[in-house]
């Protein structure tokens, strides 16, 4: 056992808000309560949220994850993930007379409604997002094929040729980099001055707040660690945000086991946060691992406080 006095000091700047957002919390509760109410197994289409620990926990209590509705038996409940699904998915579940629970984050649903409104008004729609992400597939799947054009970067803006340049609207994925998206929006508005914009920013409050918290600690950090899974868009964006703000080294880690000792060589101040789908227990595990080697001083940096909650579907609370 190392003598406590012999451990080198390490200052940890703990970004806040961090970890679970209201949409993720709601989605996980929907699966847990569905298992309580209907018994196991309850099927879930796609990962409920992008976090391995969460998915493994739900599997352990009776969730079965499938890629498509047809893989689940029609006599068992199925839950749609927090990222949202194309319109064809609930239609298929209804045709098979399945009980389905939609765990789509209400802020993603808001983007779906917005896209539908633009389409009904005859506008050509641009979606700023990452190709292949479940949320993007779900949003594009709200409308007929070809109605939505995906834009991933400013180069795509230059290549986009609308039918009527005066009748264009944009919506965005909710988990993007605030700074990158601002650049793309600027390019769109420069090319199409009359473009219809969202009433309120589509990038969700939780993504924005977590990025702002990283920006608040970035200047003081030698190293940034973000707890989150590699397929979690908002977690990946947090590492990018730190690096954009000048943090020399930033890493995304699923758990404390991914932490490599050499990353910490020469580090005096460490920034630590967690993506919106990462549970706090994983971040605490990283702190426990750091305590083995360092005498920690922890300072929480909280530019904003979150009080948002979302109601569960009535069928689970009745």
Protein backbone atom coordinates (compact mmCIF):
# COMPACT_ATOMS: atom_id res chain seq x y z
CA UNK A 1 0.00 0.00 0.00
CA UNK A 2 1.42 3.34 -1.02
CA UNK A 3 1.83 5.87 1.75
CA UNK A 4 -0.82 8.57 1.23
CA UNK A 5 1.76 11.34 1.67
CA UNK A 6 3.88 9.86 -1.12
CA UNK A 7 1.12 10.18 -3.73
CA UNK A 8 1.61 13.10 -6.13
CA UNK A 9 -1.16 15.72 -6.09
CA UNK A 10 -3.69 15.88 -8.93
CA UNK A 11 -6.34 18.54 -9.30
CA UNK A 12 -9.54 17.30 -10.93
CA UNK A 13 -11.91 19.82 -12.47
CA UNK A 14 -15.26 18.07 -12.55
CA UNK A 15 -17.50 19.53 -15.25
CA UNK A 16 -21.18 19.95 -14.46
CA UNK A 17 -23.77 19.34 -15.84
CA UNK A 18 -22.51 15.92 -16.93
CA UNK A 19 -23.87 12.42 -17.35
CA UNK A 20 -27.51 11.46 -17.81
CA UNK A 21 -29.85 13.96 -19.39
CA UNK A 22 -33.62 13.89 -18.90
CA UNK A 23 -34.23 12.08 -22.22
CA UNK A 24 -31.77 9.29 -21.40
CA UNK A 25 -33.09 8.95 -17.86
CA UNK A 26 -36.65 8.66 -19.21
CA UNK A 27 -35.70 6.06 -21.84
CA UNK A 28 -33.94 3.81 -19.31
CA UNK A 29 -36.87 4.11 -16.88
CA UNK A 30 -39.29 3.13 -19.68
CA UNK A 31 -37.43 -0.15 -20.22
CA UNK A 32 -37.09 -0.84 -16.47
CA UNK A 33 -40.75 -0.10 -15.75
CA UNK A 34 -41.92 -2.09 -18.77
CA UNK A 35 -40.03 -5.13 -17.43
CA UNK A 36 -41.62 -4.57 -13.98
CA UNK A 37 -45.10 -4.26 -15.46
CA UNK A 38 -45.07 -6.88 -18.24
CA UNK A 39 -42.33 -9.22 -17.03
CA UNK A 40 -39.28 -10.34 -19.00
CA UNK A 41 -38.45 -10.38 -21.80
CA UNK A 42 -39.17 -6.87 -23.06
CA UNK A 43 -37.67 -6.23 -26.48
CA UNK A 44 -35.83 -3.03 -27.39
CA UNK A 45 -35.21 -1.90 -30.96
CA UNK A 46 -31.58 -0.73 -31.16
CA UNK A 47 -29.52 0.28 -28.12
CA UNK A 48 -31.90 2.24 -25.89
CA UNK A 49 -29.09 4.77 -25.38
CA UNK A 50 -25.49 4.60 -26.58
CA UNK A 51 -23.81 3.20 -23.50
CA UNK A 52 -22.52 -0.35 -23.04
CA UNK A 53 -22.90 -0.35 -19.24
CA UNK A 54 -26.56 0.72 -19.48
CA UNK A 55 -27.33 -1.83 -22.20
CA UNK A 56 -25.66 -4.63 -20.19
CA UNK A 57 -27.62 -3.62 -17.05
CA UNK A 58 -30.92 -3.76 -18.95
CA UNK A 59 -30.02 -7.11 -20.55
CA UNK A 60 -29.34 -8.49 -17.07
CA UNK A 61 -32.87 -7.61 -15.87
CA UNK A 62 -34.68 -8.96 -18.94
CA UNK A 63 -34.31 -6.64 -21.93
CA UNK A 64 -33.57 -8.22 -25.31
CA UNK A 65 -32.05 -5.91 -27.91
CA UNK A 66 -32.95 -6.37 -31.57
CA UNK A 67 -32.19 -4.39 -34.73
CA UNK A 68 -35.67 -4.58 -36.27
CA UNK A 69 -39.24 -5.03 -35.05
CA UNK A 70 -39.64 -8.29 -37.03
CA UNK A 71 -36.98 -9.93 -34.81
CA UNK A 72 -39.25 -9.61 -31.75
CA UNK A 73 -42.23 -11.91 -31.10
CA UNK A 74 -45.53 -10.11 -31.60
CA UNK A 75 -46.85 -11.10 -28.17
CA UNK A 76 -44.13 -9.24 -26.21
CA UNK A 77 -43.74 -5.48 -25.63
CA UNK A 78 -41.14 -3.60 -27.68
CA UNK A 79 -39.51 -0.27 -26.81
CA UNK A 80 -38.18 2.18 -29.41
CA UNK A 81 -34.87 3.82 -28.51
CA UNK A 82 -34.33 7.39 -27.30
CA UNK A 83 -32.88 8.35 -30.71
CA UNK A 84 -36.24 8.10 -32.47
CA UNK A 85 -37.39 5.84 -35.29
CA UNK A 86 -38.66 6.24 -38.87
CA UNK A 87 -42.46 6.35 -39.23
CA UNK A 88 -42.38 2.90 -40.81
CA UNK A 89 -41.36 1.31 -37.47
CA UNK A 90 -44.52 2.01 -35.39
CA UNK A 91 -46.58 1.21 -38.49
CA UNK A 92 -44.95 -2.24 -38.63
CA UNK A 93 -45.50 -2.76 -34.88
CA UNK A 94 -49.21 -1.85 -35.28
CA UNK A 95 -49.58 -4.23 -38.23
CA UNK A 96 -48.17 -7.01 -36.05
CA UNK A 97 -50.55 -5.91 -33.24
CA UNK A 98 -47.63 -5.41 -30.85
CA UNK A 99 -47.63 -3.38 -27.68
CA UNK A 100 -44.97 -0.76 -28.27
CA UNK A 101 -43.54 1.96 -26.05
CA UNK A 102 -41.84 4.93 -27.66
CA UNK A 103 -38.82 6.12 -25.64
CA UNK A 104 -37.88 8.77 -28.23
CA UNK A 105 -36.51 11.81 -26.42
CA UNK A 106 -39.16 14.57 -26.50
CA UNK A 107 -36.53 16.96 -27.89
CA UNK A 108 -35.94 14.60 -30.83
CA UNK A 109 -39.72 14.34 -31.31
CA UNK A 110 -39.78 18.16 -31.48
CA UNK A 111 -37.38 18.03 -34.47
CA UNK A 112 -39.63 15.42 -36.13
CA UNK A 113 -42.64 17.72 -35.74
CA UNK A 114 -40.62 20.66 -37.11
CA UNK A 115 -39.51 18.68 -40.19
CA UNK A 116 -43.10 17.60 -40.83
CA UNK A 117 -44.29 21.21 -40.56
CA UNK A 118 -41.72 22.40 -43.11
CA UNK A 119 -42.68 19.56 -45.45
CA UNK A 120 -46.39 20.39 -45.14
CA UNK A 121 -45.51 24.00 -46.03
CA UNK A 122 -43.76 22.82 -49.20
CA UNK A 123 -40.20 23.60 -48.11
CA UNK A 124 -37.14 21.59 -49.09
CA UNK A 125 -35.54 20.37 -45.87
CA UNK A 126 -31.89 20.18 -44.91
CA UNK A 127 -30.90 18.08 -41.88
CA UNK A 128 -27.55 18.92 -40.29
CA UNK A 129 -26.26 15.68 -38.81
CA UNK A 130 -24.04 12.60 -39.03
CA UNK A 131 -24.82 10.00 -41.69
CA UNK A 132 -25.89 6.65 -40.28
CA UNK A 133 -26.62 7.89 -36.75
CA UNK A 134 -29.92 6.38 -35.51
CA UNK A 135 -31.33 9.84 -34.76
CA UNK A 136 -30.62 10.98 -38.34
CA UNK A 137 -32.18 7.81 -39.77
CA UNK A 138 -35.25 8.40 -37.56
CA UNK A 139 -35.63 12.07 -38.54
CA UNK A 140 -35.16 11.43 -42.26
CA UNK A 141 -37.62 8.55 -41.95
CA UNK A 142 -40.40 10.90 -40.84
CA UNK A 143 -40.86 12.03 -44.44
CA UNK A 144 -40.93 10.46 -47.91
CA UNK A 145 -37.58 9.44 -49.36
CA UNK A 146 -35.78 12.40 -50.93
CA UNK A 147 -37.66 15.03 -48.92
CA UNK A 148 -34.70 15.59 -46.57
CA UNK A 149 -31.11 16.29 -47.64
CA UNK A 150 -28.38 15.44 -45.12
CA UNK A 151 -25.63 18.04 -44.65
CA UNK A 152 -22.60 16.94 -42.61
CA UNK A 153 -20.22 19.88 -43.11
CA UNK A 154 -19.73 23.23 -44.87
CA UNK A 155 -18.57 21.44 -48.06
CA UNK A 156 -22.00 19.79 -48.29
CA UNK A 157 -23.58 23.27 -48.10
CA UNK A 158 -21.63 24.35 -51.19
CA UNK A 159 -22.73 21.19 -53.07
CA UNK A 160 -26.43 21.41 -52.14
CA UNK A 161 -28.65 22.45 -55.05
CA UNK A 162 -32.26 22.99 -53.97
CA UNK A 163 -35.16 23.08 -56.41
CA UNK A 164 -36.11 26.54 -55.10
CA UNK A 165 -33.34 28.39 -53.21
CA UNK A 166 -35.99 30.68 -51.68
CA UNK A 167 -37.92 27.81 -50.12
CA UNK A 168 -35.46 25.93 -47.92
CA UNK A 169 -35.56 25.03 -44.20
CA UNK A 170 -33.09 23.35 -41.88
CA UNK A 171 -33.32 21.20 -38.77
CA UNK A 172 -30.46 19.56 -36.86
CA UNK A 173 -29.55 16.41 -34.98
CA UNK A 174 -29.81 17.14 -31.24
CA UNK A 175 -26.33 15.91 -30.24
CA UNK A 176 -24.02 17.94 -32.50
CA UNK A 177 -21.09 20.20 -31.72
CA UNK A 178 -22.54 23.65 -31.06
CA UNK A 179 -19.50 25.34 -32.67
CA UNK A 180 -19.37 23.11 -35.77
CA UNK A 181 -23.11 23.50 -36.31
CA UNK A 182 -22.88 27.28 -36.01
CA UNK A 183 -20.37 27.26 -38.90
CA UNK A 184 -22.68 25.13 -41.07
CA UNK A 185 -25.71 27.31 -40.25
CA UNK A 186 -23.69 30.42 -41.13
CA UNK A 187 -22.78 28.89 -44.50
CA UNK A 188 -26.43 27.93 -45.15
CA UNK A 189 -27.67 31.42 -44.27
CA UNK A 190 -25.01 33.00 -46.49
CA UNK A 191 -26.13 30.87 -49.46
CA UNK A 192 -29.85 31.00 -48.70
CA UNK A 193 -30.63 34.25 -46.84
CA UNK A 194 -34.33 33.35 -46.59
CA UNK A 195 -33.79 29.87 -45.11
CA UNK A 196 -36.31 28.89 -42.43
CA UNK A 197 -34.61 28.28 -39.10
CA UNK A 198 -35.82 26.33 -36.05
CA UNK A 199 -37.96 28.36 -33.60
CA UNK A 200 -35.49 27.35 -30.94
CA UNK A 201 -32.11 25.71 -31.30
CA UNK A 202 -32.48 22.01 -32.21
CA UNK A 203 -29.26 21.02 -30.44
CA UNK A 204 -30.67 19.98 -27.11
CA UNK A 205 -30.09 21.81 -23.83
CA UNK A 206 -28.13 18.85 -22.41
CA UNK A 207 -25.66 18.69 -25.32
CA UNK A 208 -25.16 22.46 -25.16
CA UNK A 209 -24.75 22.51 -21.36
CA UNK A 210 -22.22 19.67 -21.36
CA UNK A 211 -20.18 21.38 -24.08
CA UNK A 212 -20.34 24.71 -22.20
CA UNK A 213 -19.11 22.97 -19.03
CA UNK A 214 -16.12 21.53 -20.95
CA UNK A 215 -15.35 24.99 -22.36
CA UNK A 216 -15.39 26.37 -18.80
CA UNK A 217 -12.62 23.99 -17.67
CA UNK A 218 -10.63 23.59 -20.91
CA UNK A 219 -8.19 26.47 -20.36
CA UNK A 220 -7.05 25.07 -17.02
CA UNK A 221 -6.66 21.39 -18.06
CA UNK A 222 -3.58 19.43 -19.11
CA UNK A 223 -5.78 16.45 -19.97
CA UNK A 224 -9.52 15.91 -20.54
CA UNK A 225 -11.25 12.59 -19.90
CA UNK A 226 -14.81 12.06 -21.12
CA UNK A 227 -16.69 9.04 -19.81
CA UNK A 228 -18.89 7.69 -22.59
CA UNK A 229 -19.15 5.03 -25.29
CA UNK A 230 -17.50 5.52 -28.70
CA UNK A 231 -20.86 5.33 -30.53
CA UNK A 232 -22.30 8.12 -28.37
CA UNK A 233 -22.40 11.23 -30.54
CA UNK A 234 -22.69 13.73 -27.69
CA UNK A 235 -19.76 12.09 -25.83
CA UNK A 236 -17.48 12.21 -28.89
CA UNK A 237 -18.41 15.89 -29.32
CA UNK A 238 -17.23 16.63 -25.75
CA UNK A 239 -13.71 15.43 -26.56
CA UNK A 240 -13.74 17.53 -29.75
CA UNK A 241 -14.97 20.57 -27.81
CA UNK A 242 -12.09 20.27 -25.34
CA UNK A 243 -9.49 19.95 -28.08
CA UNK A 244 -10.99 22.87 -29.99
CA UNK A 245 -10.60 24.91 -26.81
CA UNK A 246 -6.92 24.05 -26.54
CA UNK A 247 -6.74 20.97 -24.30
CA UNK A 248 -3.58 19.17 -25.48
CA UNK A 249 -4.91 15.66 -24.89
CA UNK A 250 -8.47 14.43 -24.65
CA UNK A 251 -9.74 10.84 -24.50
CA UNK A 252 -13.11 9.13 -24.54
CA UNK A 253 -13.28 6.17 -22.13
CA UNK A 254 -16.11 3.72 -21.55
CA UNK A 255 -14.97 2.84 -18.03
CA UNK A 256 -12.01 3.30 -15.67
CA UNK A 257 -10.47 0.15 -17.21
CA UNK A 258 -9.78 2.15 -20.42
CA UNK A 259 -7.68 4.71 -18.57
CA UNK A 260 -4.01 4.37 -19.53
CA UNK A 261 -1.44 5.35 -16.90
CA UNK A 262 0.90 7.07 -19.37
CA UNK A 263 -1.84 9.60 -20.24
CA UNK A 264 -1.44 10.94 -16.71
CA UNK A 265 2.34 11.43 -16.77
CA UNK A 266 3.14 15.05 -16.01
CA UNK A 267 -0.54 16.00 -15.64
CA UNK A 268 -1.22 18.52 -12.86
CA UNK A 269 -4.84 19.39 -13.69
CA UNK A 270 -7.28 16.89 -15.16
CA UNK A 271 -10.68 17.77 -16.61
CA UNK A 272 -13.36 15.10 -16.15
CA UNK A 273 -16.89 14.86 -17.51
CA UNK A 274 -19.40 12.30 -18.82
CA UNK A 275 -21.62 12.21 -21.88
CA UNK A 276 -25.41 12.40 -21.62
CA UNK A 277 -25.81 8.61 -21.83
CA UNK A 278 -23.08 7.72 -19.30
CA UNK A 279 -24.13 6.87 -15.72
CA UNK A 280 -22.45 8.70 -12.82
CA UNK A 281 -21.25 5.38 -11.34
CA UNK A 282 -18.77 5.06 -14.24
CA UNK A 283 -17.36 8.53 -13.59
CA UNK A 284 -17.00 7.71 -9.89
CA UNK A 285 -15.11 4.58 -10.95
CA UNK A 286 -12.62 6.79 -12.80
CA UNK A 287 -12.15 8.93 -9.67
CA UNK A 288 -11.57 5.75 -7.60
CA UNK A 289 -8.92 4.64 -10.09
CA UNK A 290 -7.23 8.07 -9.95
CA UNK A 291 -7.20 7.95 -6.14
CA UNK A 292 -5.06 4.81 -6.27
CA UNK A 293 -2.24 6.82 -7.80
CA UNK A 294 -2.84 10.45 -6.78
CA UNK A 295 -3.80 12.63 -3.86
CA UNK A 296 -6.89 14.18 -5.46
CA UNK A 297 -8.30 17.65 -5.04
CA UNK A 298 -11.71 17.82 -6.72
CA UNK A 299 -13.31 21.06 -7.80
CA UNK A 300 -16.73 21.08 -9.43
CA UNK A 301 -17.21 23.66 -12.19
CA UNK A 302 -20.89 24.25 -12.99
CA UNK A 303 -21.71 27.06 -15.44
CA UNK A 304 -25.38 25.96 -15.48
CA UNK A 305 -27.79 23.83 -13.45
CA UNK A 306 -30.29 21.44 -15.01
CA UNK A 307 -33.81 20.94 -13.71
CA UNK A 308 -35.46 19.38 -16.80
CA UNK A 309 -37.50 16.19 -16.40
CA UNK A 310 -39.74 14.36 -18.89
CA UNK A 311 -42.89 12.41 -18.03
CA UNK A 312 -43.12 8.68 -18.62
CA UNK A 313 -45.79 7.25 -20.95
CA UNK A 314 -49.12 7.06 -19.13
CA UNK A 315 -49.41 3.30 -19.72
CA UNK A 316 -46.43 2.80 -17.35
CA UNK A 317 -47.62 5.12 -14.61
CA UNK A 318 -51.32 4.21 -14.50
